[in-house]
Amino acid sequence: MSINAIWENAFYLLALLNPASKMMFLASYEPALSRRQTRELAWKSSLAALLILFLLAAAGNFVLFRIFRVQLYSLQITGGAVVFMIGWTAIREGRFLSPQTGIPPQSFTDLSLVPLAAPLIAGPGMIAQAVAMSMEHGLFPTLAALTVAVAINFALMLFSSGINRTLNRVHLVGPLIRLTGLIISAISMQMMISGLKNAFC
């Protein structure tokens, strides 16, 4: 795979990764997070999610198909359906997640793993695409694309509070969430269509 193809796949994965939902999660947390807390949650969740995706991209073929007898098209259809529900909620309600409250600071490590690392970053759609991309393009180009996508998402998470404040000032939070939800829904539909084609062709 060429460098250009890696970047193209990275931005495709980034759209599927949906950075807006992570930014909204961190920005809507009560009590408000400090910069240090945001940074801690961002790097811990990104590293954990990247390790999960690396492992599944490398071993997903064996674990899913040889052990559990799950075919790629089943993973594509199921992952697409789950991602579609997230996108549809964003379009209909103008939000990805409910505000998170009441979790004490000593639980930040747990919070960075669940729900941030999984399922918000390494969710069903990302897992399905990581496995499919690894089978289609090879392991190392897939790992490179995953790294770029998660790194960009990490950078956006670091500046989530400032970005959210700016968007609120110009009243663009709602429209941006709905637009992102539309893109995610379209991607998820394409995943399901590809899975159905693979299942019946």
N, C-alpha and C. Protein backbone atom coordinates (compact mmCIF):
# COMPACT_ATOMS: atom_id res chain seq x y z
N MET A 1 0.85 -1.20 0.00
CA MET A 1 0.00 0.00 0.00
C MET A 1 0.89 1.24 0.00
N SER A 2 0.58 2.24 -0.83
CA SER A 2 1.36 3.47 -0.91
C SER A 2 1.06 4.37 0.28
N ILE A 3 1.93 5.40 0.42
CA ILE A 3 1.73 6.37 1.50
C ILE A 3 0.39 7.07 1.34
N ASN A 4 0.04 7.44 0.11
CA ASN A 4 -1.24 8.11 -0.14
C ASN A 4 -2.41 7.22 0.26
N ALA A 5 -2.31 5.92 -0.03
CA ALA A 5 -3.38 4.99 0.33
C ALA A 5 -3.49 4.86 1.85
N ILE A 6 -2.36 4.87 2.54
CA ILE A 6 -2.38 4.81 4.01
C ILE A 6 -3.10 6.03 4.57
N TRP A 7 -2.80 7.21 4.03
CA TRP A 7 -3.47 8.43 4.51
C TRP A 7 -4.97 8.39 4.19
N GLU A 8 -5.32 7.92 3.01
CA GLU A 8 -6.74 7.82 2.65
C GLU A 8 -7.47 6.87 3.60
N ASN A 9 -6.87 5.73 3.89
CA ASN A 9 -7.49 4.79 4.82
C ASN A 9 -7.53 5.35 6.24
N ALA A 10 -6.50 6.12 6.60
CA ALA A 10 -6.47 6.73 7.93
C ALA A 10 -7.63 7.71 8.11
N PHE A 11 -7.91 8.52 7.08
CA PHE A 11 -9.01 9.48 7.20
C PHE A 11 -10.37 8.78 7.13
N TYR A 12 -10.43 7.68 6.41
CA TYR A 12 -11.66 6.87 6.44
C TYR A 12 -11.90 6.33 7.84
N LEU A 13 -10.85 5.79 8.44
CA LEU A 13 -10.96 5.28 9.82
C LEU A 13 -11.28 6.40 10.80
N LEU A 14 -10.74 7.60 10.56
CA LEU A 14 -11.01 8.73 11.44
C LEU A 14 -12.49 9.10 11.41
N ALA A 15 -13.09 9.07 10.22
CA ALA A 15 -14.53 9.35 10.13
C ALA A 15 -15.33 8.29 10.89
N LEU A 16 -14.90 7.04 10.76
CA LEU A 16 -15.57 5.96 11.48
C LEU A 16 -15.33 6.07 12.97
N LEU A 17 -14.16 6.55 13.34
CA LEU A 17 -13.79 6.71 14.75
C LEU A 17 -14.65 7.79 15.43
N ASN A 18 -15.06 8.80 14.64
CA ASN A 18 -15.97 9.83 15.13
C ASN A 18 -15.38 10.65 16.29
N PRO A 19 -14.37 11.49 16.03
CA PRO A 19 -13.76 12.28 17.10
C PRO A 19 -14.75 13.19 17.83
N ALA A 20 -15.80 13.63 17.14
CA ALA A 20 -16.76 14.54 17.77
C ALA A 20 -17.39 13.93 19.01
N SER A 21 -17.65 12.62 19.00
CA SER A 21 -18.28 11.99 20.16
C SER A 21 -17.34 11.99 21.36
N LYS A 22 -16.04 11.81 21.13
CA LYS A 22 -15.08 11.84 22.24
C LYS A 22 -14.92 13.25 22.78
N MET A 23 -14.92 14.23 21.87
CA MET A 23 -14.82 15.62 22.31
C MET A 23 -16.04 16.02 23.13
N MET A 24 -17.23 15.61 22.69
CA MET A 24 -18.44 15.92 23.44
C MET A 24 -18.45 15.21 24.80
N PHE A 25 -17.95 13.98 24.82
CA PHE A 25 -17.87 13.23 26.07
C PHE A 25 -17.02 13.99 27.09
N LEU A 26 -15.84 14.43 26.68
CA LEU A 26 -14.94 15.12 27.60
C LEU A 26 -15.45 16.51 27.95
N ALA A 27 -16.01 17.22 26.96
CA ALA A 27 -16.47 18.59 27.20
C ALA A 27 -17.71 18.63 28.09
N SER A 28 -18.55 17.58 28.06
CA SER A 28 -19.79 17.58 28.83
C SER A 28 -19.65 16.92 30.20
N TYR A 29 -18.43 16.46 30.51
CA TYR A 29 -18.21 15.78 31.79
C TYR A 29 -18.42 16.76 32.95
N GLU A 30 -19.12 16.32 33.99
CA GLU A 30 -19.36 17.12 35.19
C GLU A 30 -18.86 16.36 36.41
N PRO A 31 -18.05 17.02 37.27
CA PRO A 31 -17.53 18.40 37.16
C PRO A 31 -16.52 18.52 36.03
N ALA A 32 -16.34 19.77 35.56
CA ALA A 32 -15.49 20.01 34.40
C ALA A 32 -14.08 19.49 34.64
N LEU A 33 -13.50 18.92 33.60
CA LEU A 33 -12.17 18.34 33.70
C LEU A 33 -11.10 19.43 33.58
N SER A 34 -10.02 19.27 34.34
CA SER A 34 -8.88 20.15 34.19
C SER A 34 -8.08 19.72 32.96
N ARG A 35 -7.11 20.55 32.56
CA ARG A 35 -6.27 20.18 31.42
C ARG A 35 -5.49 18.89 31.70
N ARG A 36 -5.00 18.76 32.93
CA ARG A 36 -4.25 17.56 33.29
C ARG A 36 -5.13 16.33 33.21
N GLN A 37 -6.35 16.43 33.71
CA GLN A 37 -7.28 15.30 33.67
C GLN A 37 -7.65 14.94 32.23
N THR A 38 -7.90 15.96 31.42
CA THR A 38 -8.22 15.71 30.01
C THR A 38 -7.06 15.02 29.31
N ARG A 39 -5.84 15.52 29.57
CA ARG A 39 -4.65 14.92 28.96
C ARG A 39 -4.48 13.46 29.40
N GLU A 40 -4.71 13.20 30.70
CA GLU A 40 -4.58 11.84 31.21
C GLU A 40 -5.59 10.90 30.56
N LEU A 41 -6.85 11.33 30.49
CA LEU A 41 -7.87 10.50 29.86
C LEU A 41 -7.57 10.28 28.37
N ALA A 42 -7.09 11.32 27.70
CA ALA A 42 -6.85 11.23 26.26
C ALA A 42 -5.74 10.23 25.95
N TRP A 43 -4.60 10.33 26.64
CA TRP A 43 -3.49 9.44 26.26
C TRP A 43 -3.73 8.01 26.72
N LYS A 44 -4.34 7.83 27.90
CA LYS A 44 -4.60 6.47 28.37
C LYS A 44 -5.60 5.75 27.48
N SER A 45 -6.69 6.44 27.14
CA SER A 45 -7.71 5.81 26.30
C SER A 45 -7.20 5.55 24.89
N SER A 46 -6.42 6.49 24.34
CA SER A 46 -5.89 6.31 22.98
C SER A 46 -4.91 5.15 22.92
N LEU A 47 -4.03 5.05 23.92
CA LEU A 47 -3.07 3.96 23.93
C LEU A 47 -3.76 2.61 24.09
N ALA A 48 -4.72 2.55 25.01
CA ALA A 48 -5.44 1.28 25.23
C ALA A 48 -6.21 0.87 23.98
N ALA A 49 -6.90 1.83 23.35
CA ALA A 49 -7.67 1.52 22.14
C ALA A 49 -6.76 1.07 21.00
N LEU A 50 -5.61 1.74 20.86
CA LEU A 50 -4.68 1.37 19.80
C LEU A 50 -4.15 -0.05 19.99
N LEU A 51 -3.86 -0.41 21.23
CA LEU A 51 -3.40 -1.77 21.51
C LEU A 51 -4.49 -2.80 21.18
N ILE A 52 -5.74 -2.48 21.53
CA ILE A 52 -6.86 -3.37 21.22
C ILE A 52 -6.98 -3.55 19.70
N LEU A 53 -6.93 -2.44 18.97
CA LEU A 53 -7.09 -2.50 17.51
C LEU A 53 -5.91 -3.20 16.85
N PHE A 54 -4.70 -2.96 17.36
CA PHE A 54 -3.52 -3.66 16.83
C PHE A 54 -3.67 -5.16 17.01
N LEU A 55 -4.09 -5.56 18.22
CA LEU A 55 -4.22 -6.98 18.52
C LEU A 55 -5.26 -7.64 17.62
N LEU A 56 -6.39 -6.98 17.46
CA LEU A 56 -7.46 -7.57 16.64
C LEU A 56 -7.12 -7.54 15.15
N ALA A 57 -6.42 -6.49 14.71
CA ALA A 57 -5.99 -6.46 13.30
C ALA A 57 -5.02 -7.60 13.02
N ALA A 58 -4.17 -7.91 14.01
CA ALA A 58 -3.18 -8.96 13.81
C ALA A 58 -3.76 -10.35 14.00
N ALA A 59 -4.63 -10.50 15.01
CA ALA A 59 -5.11 -11.84 15.37
C ALA A 59 -6.58 -12.05 15.08
N GLY A 60 -7.26 -11.00 14.57
CA GLY A 60 -8.71 -11.11 14.38
C GLY A 60 -9.10 -12.22 13.43
N ASN A 61 -8.33 -12.40 12.39
CA ASN A 61 -8.63 -13.45 11.42
C ASN A 61 -8.66 -14.81 12.09
N PHE A 62 -7.64 -15.08 12.90
CA PHE A 62 -7.56 -16.38 13.58
C PHE A 62 -8.63 -16.51 14.67
N VAL A 63 -8.73 -15.49 15.54
CA VAL A 63 -9.64 -15.57 16.68
C VAL A 63 -11.09 -15.64 16.23
N LEU A 64 -11.47 -14.73 15.32
CA LEU A 64 -12.88 -14.66 14.93
C LEU A 64 -13.27 -15.79 13.99
N PHE A 65 -12.44 -16.05 13.00
CA PHE A 65 -12.84 -16.98 11.96
C PHE A 65 -12.50 -18.44 12.29
N ARG A 66 -11.35 -18.66 12.90
CA ARG A 66 -10.95 -20.04 13.19
C ARG A 66 -11.56 -20.56 14.49
N ILE A 67 -11.63 -19.70 15.51
CA ILE A 67 -12.12 -20.15 16.81
C ILE A 67 -13.63 -19.99 16.93
N PHE A 68 -14.13 -18.75 16.67
CA PHE A 68 -15.55 -18.49 16.86
C PHE A 68 -16.38 -18.71 15.59
N ARG A 69 -15.73 -19.00 14.46
CA ARG A 69 -16.43 -19.25 13.19
C ARG A 69 -17.28 -18.05 12.74
N VAL A 70 -16.81 -16.86 13.04
CA VAL A 70 -17.50 -15.63 12.63
C VAL A 70 -16.89 -15.18 11.31
N GLN A 71 -17.71 -15.05 10.29
CA GLN A 71 -17.24 -14.62 8.98
C GLN A 71 -17.13 -13.10 8.93
N LEU A 72 -16.31 -12.60 8.01
CA LEU A 72 -16.08 -11.16 7.90
C LEU A 72 -17.38 -10.42 7.61
N TYR A 73 -18.23 -10.98 6.75
CA TYR A 73 -19.47 -10.27 6.42
C TYR A 73 -20.38 -10.12 7.63
N SER A 74 -20.37 -11.10 8.54
CA SER A 74 -21.17 -10.98 9.77
C SER A 74 -20.65 -9.83 10.63
N LEU A 75 -19.33 -9.71 10.70
CA LEU A 75 -18.72 -8.64 11.47
C LEU A 75 -19.02 -7.28 10.85
N GLN A 76 -18.98 -7.20 9.53
CA GLN A 76 -19.28 -5.95 8.84
C GLN A 76 -20.73 -5.53 9.05
N ILE A 77 -21.66 -6.48 8.94
CA ILE A 77 -23.08 -6.15 9.10
C ILE A 77 -23.38 -5.73 10.53
N THR A 78 -22.87 -6.50 11.51
CA THR A 78 -23.13 -6.18 12.91
C THR A 78 -22.48 -4.86 13.32
N GLY A 79 -21.21 -4.68 12.95
CA GLY A 79 -20.52 -3.43 13.26
C GLY A 79 -21.19 -2.24 12.62
N GLY A 80 -21.62 -2.40 11.35
CA GLY A 80 -22.31 -1.32 10.67
C GLY A 80 -23.63 -0.96 11.33
N ALA A 81 -24.36 -1.98 11.81
CA ALA A 81 -25.65 -1.73 12.47
C ALA A 81 -25.46 -0.94 13.76
N VAL A 82 -24.44 -1.32 14.54
CA VAL A 82 -24.18 -0.62 15.81
C VAL A 82 -23.78 0.83 15.54
N VAL A 83 -22.89 1.04 14.57
CA VAL A 83 -22.45 2.39 14.25
C VAL A 83 -23.61 3.22 13.69
N PHE A 84 -24.49 2.59 12.91
CA PHE A 84 -25.64 3.31 12.36
C PHE A 84 -26.54 3.84 13.48
N MET A 85 -26.73 3.06 14.54
CA MET A 85 -27.57 3.53 15.65
C MET A 85 -26.97 4.76 16.31
N ILE A 86 -25.63 4.79 16.41
CA ILE A 86 -24.96 5.97 16.98
C ILE A 86 -25.17 7.18 16.08
N GLY A 87 -24.98 6.98 14.77
CA GLY A 87 -25.17 8.08 13.83
C GLY A 87 -26.60 8.56 13.78
N TRP A 88 -27.56 7.62 13.84
CA TRP A 88 -28.97 7.99 13.80
C TRP A 88 -29.37 8.79 15.04
N THR A 89 -28.83 8.42 16.20
CA THR A 89 -29.09 9.18 17.44
C THR A 89 -28.58 10.61 17.30
N ALA A 90 -27.39 10.76 16.70
CA ALA A 90 -26.83 12.10 16.50
C ALA A 90 -27.69 12.93 15.57
N ILE A 91 -28.18 12.33 14.49
CA ILE A 91 -29.02 13.06 13.54
C ILE A 91 -30.34 13.47 14.19
N ARG A 92 -30.95 12.56 14.91
CA ARG A 92 -32.28 12.79 15.46
C ARG A 92 -32.26 13.69 16.70
N GLU A 93 -31.26 13.48 17.59
CA GLU A 93 -31.27 14.16 18.88
C GLU A 93 -30.19 15.23 19.03
N GLY A 94 -29.26 15.28 18.06
CA GLY A 94 -28.20 16.27 18.15
C GLY A 94 -27.19 15.99 19.25
N ARG A 95 -27.02 14.73 19.63
CA ARG A 95 -26.03 14.35 20.64
C ARG A 95 -25.58 12.92 20.38
N PHE A 96 -24.36 12.63 20.82
CA PHE A 96 -23.85 11.27 20.73
C PHE A 96 -24.04 10.52 22.04
N LEU A 97 -23.84 11.25 23.15
CA LEU A 97 -23.82 10.62 24.46
C LEU A 97 -24.51 11.51 25.47
N SER A 98 -24.98 10.91 26.55
CA SER A 98 -25.50 11.68 27.67
C SER A 98 -24.33 12.20 28.49
N PRO A 99 -24.49 13.37 29.14
CA PRO A 99 -23.41 13.89 29.98
C PRO A 99 -23.01 12.88 31.05
N GLN A 100 -21.71 12.80 31.33
CA GLN A 100 -21.19 11.87 32.32
C GLN A 100 -21.00 12.60 33.64
N THR A 101 -21.58 12.09 34.70
CA THR A 101 -21.48 12.75 35.99
C THR A 101 -21.18 11.74 37.07
N GLY A 102 -20.64 12.28 38.18
CA GLY A 102 -20.56 11.49 39.39
C GLY A 102 -19.43 10.49 39.44
N ILE A 103 -18.45 10.53 38.53
CA ILE A 103 -17.34 9.60 38.59
C ILE A 103 -16.15 10.30 39.23
N PRO A 104 -15.68 9.82 40.37
CA PRO A 104 -14.61 10.52 41.09
C PRO A 104 -13.29 10.44 40.36
N PRO A 105 -12.36 11.38 40.67
CA PRO A 105 -11.08 11.41 39.97
C PRO A 105 -10.29 10.12 40.06
N GLN A 106 -10.39 9.36 41.17
CA GLN A 106 -9.60 8.14 41.28
C GLN A 106 -10.07 7.07 40.30
N SER A 107 -11.20 7.28 39.65
CA SER A 107 -11.70 6.30 38.69
C SER A 107 -11.35 6.68 37.25
N PHE A 108 -10.47 7.67 37.06
CA PHE A 108 -10.15 8.11 35.72
C PHE A 108 -9.51 7.02 34.87
N THR A 109 -8.70 6.16 35.50
CA THR A 109 -8.10 5.07 34.73
C THR A 109 -9.18 4.14 34.20
N ASP A 110 -10.16 3.80 35.07
CA ASP A 110 -11.27 2.97 34.62
C ASP A 110 -12.06 3.67 33.53
N LEU A 111 -12.29 4.97 33.69
CA LEU A 111 -13.05 5.74 32.70
C LEU A 111 -12.32 5.78 31.36
N SER A 112 -10.99 5.85 31.40
CA SER A 112 -10.23 5.89 30.16
C SER A 112 -10.33 4.57 29.40
N LEU A 113 -10.55 3.47 30.13
CA LEU A 113 -10.69 2.17 29.49
C LEU A 113 -12.12 1.92 29.03
N VAL A 114 -13.09 2.17 29.92
CA VAL A 114 -14.51 1.98 29.62
C VAL A 114 -15.24 3.22 30.12
N PRO A 115 -15.88 4.02 29.27
CA PRO A 115 -16.20 3.70 27.87
C PRO A 115 -15.29 4.32 26.83
N LEU A 116 -14.23 5.08 27.24
CA LEU A 116 -13.48 5.83 26.23
C LEU A 116 -12.71 4.92 25.27
N ALA A 117 -11.81 4.08 25.81
CA ALA A 117 -11.04 3.21 24.91
C ALA A 117 -11.95 2.24 24.17
N ALA A 118 -12.83 1.60 24.92
CA ALA A 118 -13.80 0.66 24.34
C ALA A 118 -15.12 0.84 25.09
N PRO A 119 -16.20 1.19 24.39
CA PRO A 119 -16.36 1.07 22.93
C PRO A 119 -16.26 2.38 22.14
N LEU A 120 -15.92 3.52 22.79
CA LEU A 120 -15.97 4.79 22.05
C LEU A 120 -14.89 4.90 20.98
N ILE A 121 -13.67 4.45 21.27
CA ILE A 121 -12.62 4.51 20.25
C ILE A 121 -12.53 3.18 19.51
N ALA A 122 -12.26 2.11 20.24
CA ALA A 122 -12.21 0.78 19.63
C ALA A 122 -13.59 0.14 19.70
N GLY A 123 -14.51 0.68 18.92
CA GLY A 123 -15.87 0.17 18.90
C GLY A 123 -16.06 -0.90 17.84
N PRO A 124 -17.28 -1.41 17.72
CA PRO A 124 -17.55 -2.48 16.75
C PRO A 124 -17.20 -2.12 15.32
N GLY A 125 -17.51 -0.90 14.91
CA GLY A 125 -17.20 -0.48 13.56
C GLY A 125 -15.71 -0.43 13.28
N MET A 126 -14.95 0.14 14.22
CA MET A 126 -13.50 0.22 14.06
C MET A 126 -12.88 -1.17 14.07
N ILE A 127 -13.36 -2.04 14.95
CA ILE A 127 -12.82 -3.40 15.01
C ILE A 127 -13.08 -4.14 13.71
N ALA A 128 -14.32 -4.05 13.22
CA ALA A 128 -14.66 -4.73 11.97
C ALA A 128 -13.80 -4.21 10.82
N GLN A 129 -13.62 -2.89 10.76
CA GLN A 129 -12.85 -2.32 9.66
C GLN A 129 -11.37 -2.64 9.79
N ALA A 130 -10.85 -2.68 11.02
CA ALA A 130 -9.44 -3.02 11.23
C ALA A 130 -9.15 -4.44 10.75
N VAL A 131 -10.04 -5.37 11.08
CA VAL A 131 -9.87 -6.76 10.64
C VAL A 131 -9.98 -6.86 9.13
N ALA A 132 -11.01 -6.21 8.56
CA ALA A 132 -11.21 -6.27 7.10
C ALA A 132 -10.05 -5.62 6.36
N MET A 133 -9.58 -4.49 6.85
CA MET A 133 -8.48 -3.79 6.19
C MET A 133 -7.19 -4.60 6.26
N SER A 134 -6.98 -5.26 7.40
CA SER A 134 -5.79 -6.10 7.54
C SER A 134 -5.80 -7.26 6.55
N MET A 135 -6.98 -7.84 6.33
CA MET A 135 -7.09 -8.94 5.37
C MET A 135 -6.93 -8.46 3.93
N GLU A 136 -7.39 -7.24 3.64
CA GLU A 136 -7.36 -6.73 2.27
C GLU A 136 -6.03 -6.11 1.90
N HIS A 137 -5.44 -5.31 2.82
CA HIS A 137 -4.25 -4.53 2.50
C HIS A 137 -2.98 -5.03 3.19
N GLY A 138 -3.11 -5.94 4.15
CA GLY A 138 -1.94 -6.39 4.88
C GLY A 138 -1.88 -5.76 6.26
N LEU A 139 -1.11 -6.39 7.15
CA LEU A 139 -1.09 -5.96 8.55
C LEU A 139 -0.41 -4.61 8.75
N PHE A 140 0.80 -4.43 8.21
CA PHE A 140 1.56 -3.22 8.53
C PHE A 140 0.94 -1.94 7.95
N PRO A 141 0.43 -1.93 6.72
CA PRO A 141 -0.29 -0.73 6.26
C PRO A 141 -1.52 -0.43 7.12
N THR A 142 -2.20 -1.48 7.59
CA THR A 142 -3.36 -1.28 8.45
C THR A 142 -2.95 -0.67 9.79
N LEU A 143 -1.87 -1.16 10.38
CA LEU A 143 -1.38 -0.61 11.65
C LEU A 143 -0.98 0.85 11.49
N ALA A 144 -0.37 1.18 10.34
CA ALA A 144 0.02 2.57 10.08
C ALA A 144 -1.20 3.47 9.99
N ALA A 145 -2.23 3.03 9.26
CA ALA A 145 -3.46 3.82 9.12
C ALA A 145 -4.16 3.98 10.46
N LEU A 146 -4.21 2.92 11.25
CA LEU A 146 -4.81 2.99 12.58
C LEU A 146 -4.07 3.98 13.48
N THR A 147 -2.75 3.96 13.41
CA THR A 147 -1.94 4.85 14.24
C THR A 147 -2.21 6.31 13.89
N VAL A 148 -2.27 6.62 12.61
CA VAL A 148 -2.53 8.00 12.18
C VAL A 148 -3.93 8.45 12.64
N ALA A 149 -4.93 7.60 12.44
CA ALA A 149 -6.30 7.96 12.82
C ALA A 149 -6.43 8.19 14.32
N VAL A 150 -5.88 7.29 15.12
CA VAL A 150 -5.98 7.43 16.58
C VAL A 150 -5.17 8.63 17.07
N ALA A 151 -4.03 8.92 16.41
CA ALA A 151 -3.22 10.07 16.81
C ALA A 151 -3.96 11.39 16.56
N ILE A 152 -4.63 11.49 15.42
CA ILE A 152 -5.42 12.70 15.14
C ILE A 152 -6.56 12.83 16.14
N ASN A 153 -7.24 11.72 16.42
CA ASN A 153 -8.31 11.73 17.41
C ASN A 153 -7.79 12.15 18.78
N PHE A 154 -6.59 11.67 19.16
CA PHE A 154 -5.96 12.04 20.43
C PHE A 154 -5.73 13.55 20.50
N ALA A 155 -5.21 14.13 19.41
CA ALA A 155 -4.96 15.58 19.39
C ALA A 155 -6.25 16.37 19.56
N LEU A 156 -7.32 15.93 18.91
CA LEU A 156 -8.61 16.62 19.03
C LEU A 156 -9.17 16.48 20.45
N MET A 157 -8.97 15.31 21.07
CA MET A 157 -9.42 15.12 22.45
C MET A 157 -8.71 16.08 23.40
N LEU A 158 -7.42 16.34 23.16
CA LEU A 158 -6.65 17.23 24.03
C LEU A 158 -7.25 18.64 24.05
N PHE A 159 -7.77 19.07 22.91
CA PHE A 159 -8.29 20.43 22.79
C PHE A 159 -9.82 20.45 22.78
N SER A 160 -10.44 19.42 23.34
CA SER A 160 -11.90 19.29 23.27
C SER A 160 -12.63 20.46 23.94
N SER A 161 -12.15 20.91 25.10
CA SER A 161 -12.85 21.99 25.81
C SER A 161 -12.82 23.28 25.02
N GLY A 162 -11.64 23.66 24.50
CA GLY A 162 -11.53 24.89 23.73
C GLY A 162 -12.33 24.84 22.44
N ILE A 163 -12.26 23.70 21.75
CA ILE A 163 -13.02 23.54 20.51
C ILE A 163 -14.52 23.63 20.78
N ASN A 164 -14.96 22.98 21.86
CA ASN A 164 -16.38 22.99 22.20
C ASN A 164 -16.85 24.40 22.54
N ARG A 165 -16.04 25.16 23.29
CA ARG A 165 -16.41 26.54 23.63
C ARG A 165 -16.54 27.40 22.38
N THR A 166 -15.59 27.25 21.46
CA THR A 166 -15.62 28.03 20.22
C THR A 166 -16.86 27.70 19.40
N LEU A 167 -17.17 26.42 19.28
CA LEU A 167 -18.34 26.01 18.50
C LEU A 167 -19.64 26.47 19.16
N ASN A 168 -19.67 26.48 20.50
CA ASN A 168 -20.86 26.97 21.20
C ASN A 168 -21.09 28.45 20.95
N ARG A 169 -19.99 29.22 20.87
CA ARG A 169 -20.13 30.66 20.64
C ARG A 169 -20.79 30.95 19.30
N VAL A 170 -20.48 30.15 18.30
CA VAL A 170 -21.04 30.39 16.96
C VAL A 170 -22.22 29.45 16.68
N HIS A 171 -22.69 28.77 17.70
CA HIS A 171 -23.88 27.91 17.61
C HIS A 171 -23.74 26.83 16.53
N LEU A 172 -22.58 26.18 16.51
CA LEU A 172 -22.35 25.15 15.50
C LEU A 172 -22.27 23.74 16.08
N VAL A 173 -22.44 23.59 17.40
CA VAL A 173 -22.31 22.27 17.99
C VAL A 173 -23.38 21.31 17.45
N GLY A 174 -24.64 21.76 17.51
CA GLY A 174 -25.74 20.92 17.04
C GLY A 174 -25.62 20.55 15.57
N PRO A 175 -25.45 21.55 14.67
CA PRO A 175 -25.30 21.21 13.26
C PRO A 175 -24.10 20.31 12.98
N LEU A 176 -22.97 20.53 13.67
CA LEU A 176 -21.79 19.70 13.45
C LEU A 176 -22.04 18.26 13.87
N ILE A 177 -22.71 18.09 15.00
CA ILE A 177 -23.02 16.73 15.47
C ILE A 177 -23.93 16.02 14.48
N ARG A 178 -24.95 16.72 13.99
CA ARG A 178 -25.88 16.10 13.03
C ARG A 178 -25.19 15.79 11.71
N LEU A 179 -24.32 16.69 11.25
CA LEU A 179 -23.57 16.43 10.02
C LEU A 179 -22.65 15.23 10.19
N THR A 180 -21.96 15.17 11.34
CA THR A 180 -21.09 14.02 11.62
C THR A 180 -21.91 12.74 11.71
N GLY A 181 -23.08 12.83 12.33
CA GLY A 181 -23.96 11.66 12.41
C GLY A 181 -24.39 11.17 11.04
N LEU A 182 -24.64 12.11 10.12
CA LEU A 182 -25.03 11.73 8.76
C LEU A 182 -23.89 10.99 8.06
N ILE A 183 -22.66 11.50 8.21
CA ILE A 183 -21.50 10.84 7.59
C ILE A 183 -21.30 9.45 8.19
N ILE A 184 -21.40 9.35 9.51
CA ILE A 184 -21.23 8.05 10.17
C ILE A 184 -22.30 7.07 9.72
N SER A 185 -23.53 7.55 9.60
CA SER A 185 -24.62 6.68 9.15
C SER A 185 -24.37 6.18 7.74
N ALA A 186 -23.88 7.06 6.87
CA ALA A 186 -23.59 6.66 5.49
C ALA A 186 -22.48 5.62 5.45
N ILE A 187 -21.44 5.82 6.24
CA ILE A 187 -20.34 4.85 6.29
C ILE A 187 -20.83 3.51 6.81
N SER A 188 -21.66 3.55 7.86
CA SER A 188 -22.18 2.30 8.43
C SER A 188 -23.07 1.57 7.44
N MET A 189 -23.87 2.31 6.66
CA MET A 189 -24.69 1.67 5.63
C MET A 189 -23.81 0.99 4.58
N GLN A 190 -22.71 1.66 4.21
CA GLN A 190 -21.80 1.06 3.24
C GLN A 190 -21.17 -0.21 3.79
N MET A 191 -20.84 -0.20 5.08
CA MET A 191 -20.30 -1.41 5.71
C MET A 191 -21.31 -2.56 5.64
N MET A 192 -22.57 -2.26 5.95
CA MET A 192 -23.60 -3.31 5.92
C MET A 192 -23.85 -3.80 4.50
N ILE A 193 -23.86 -2.88 3.53
CA ILE A 193 -24.05 -3.28 2.13
C ILE A 193 -22.90 -4.18 1.67
N SER A 194 -21.67 -3.80 2.04
CA SER A 194 -20.52 -4.63 1.67
C SER A 194 -20.64 -6.02 2.31
N GLY A 195 -21.07 -6.05 3.58
CA GLY A 195 -21.24 -7.33 4.25
C GLY A 195 -22.30 -8.19 3.59
N LEU A 196 -23.41 -7.57 3.19
CA LEU A 196 -24.48 -8.32 2.52
C LEU A 196 -24.02 -8.84 1.15
N LYS A 197 -23.25 -8.01 0.43
CA LYS A 197 -22.73 -8.46 -0.86
C LYS A 197 -21.81 -9.66 -0.68
N ASN A 198 -20.93 -9.58 0.34
CA ASN A 198 -20.02 -10.69 0.60
C ASN A 198 -20.77 -11.95 1.04
N ALA A 199 -21.91 -11.75 1.72
CA ALA A 199 -22.66 -12.91 2.23
C ALA A 199 -23.40 -13.64 1.11
N PHE A 200 -23.90 -12.89 0.10
CA PHE A 200 -24.78 -13.50 -0.90
C PHE A 200 -24.16 -13.59 -2.29
N CYS A 201 -22.92 -13.12 -2.44
CA CYS A 201 -22.29 -13.17 -3.77
C CYS A 201 -21.14 -14.18 -3.78
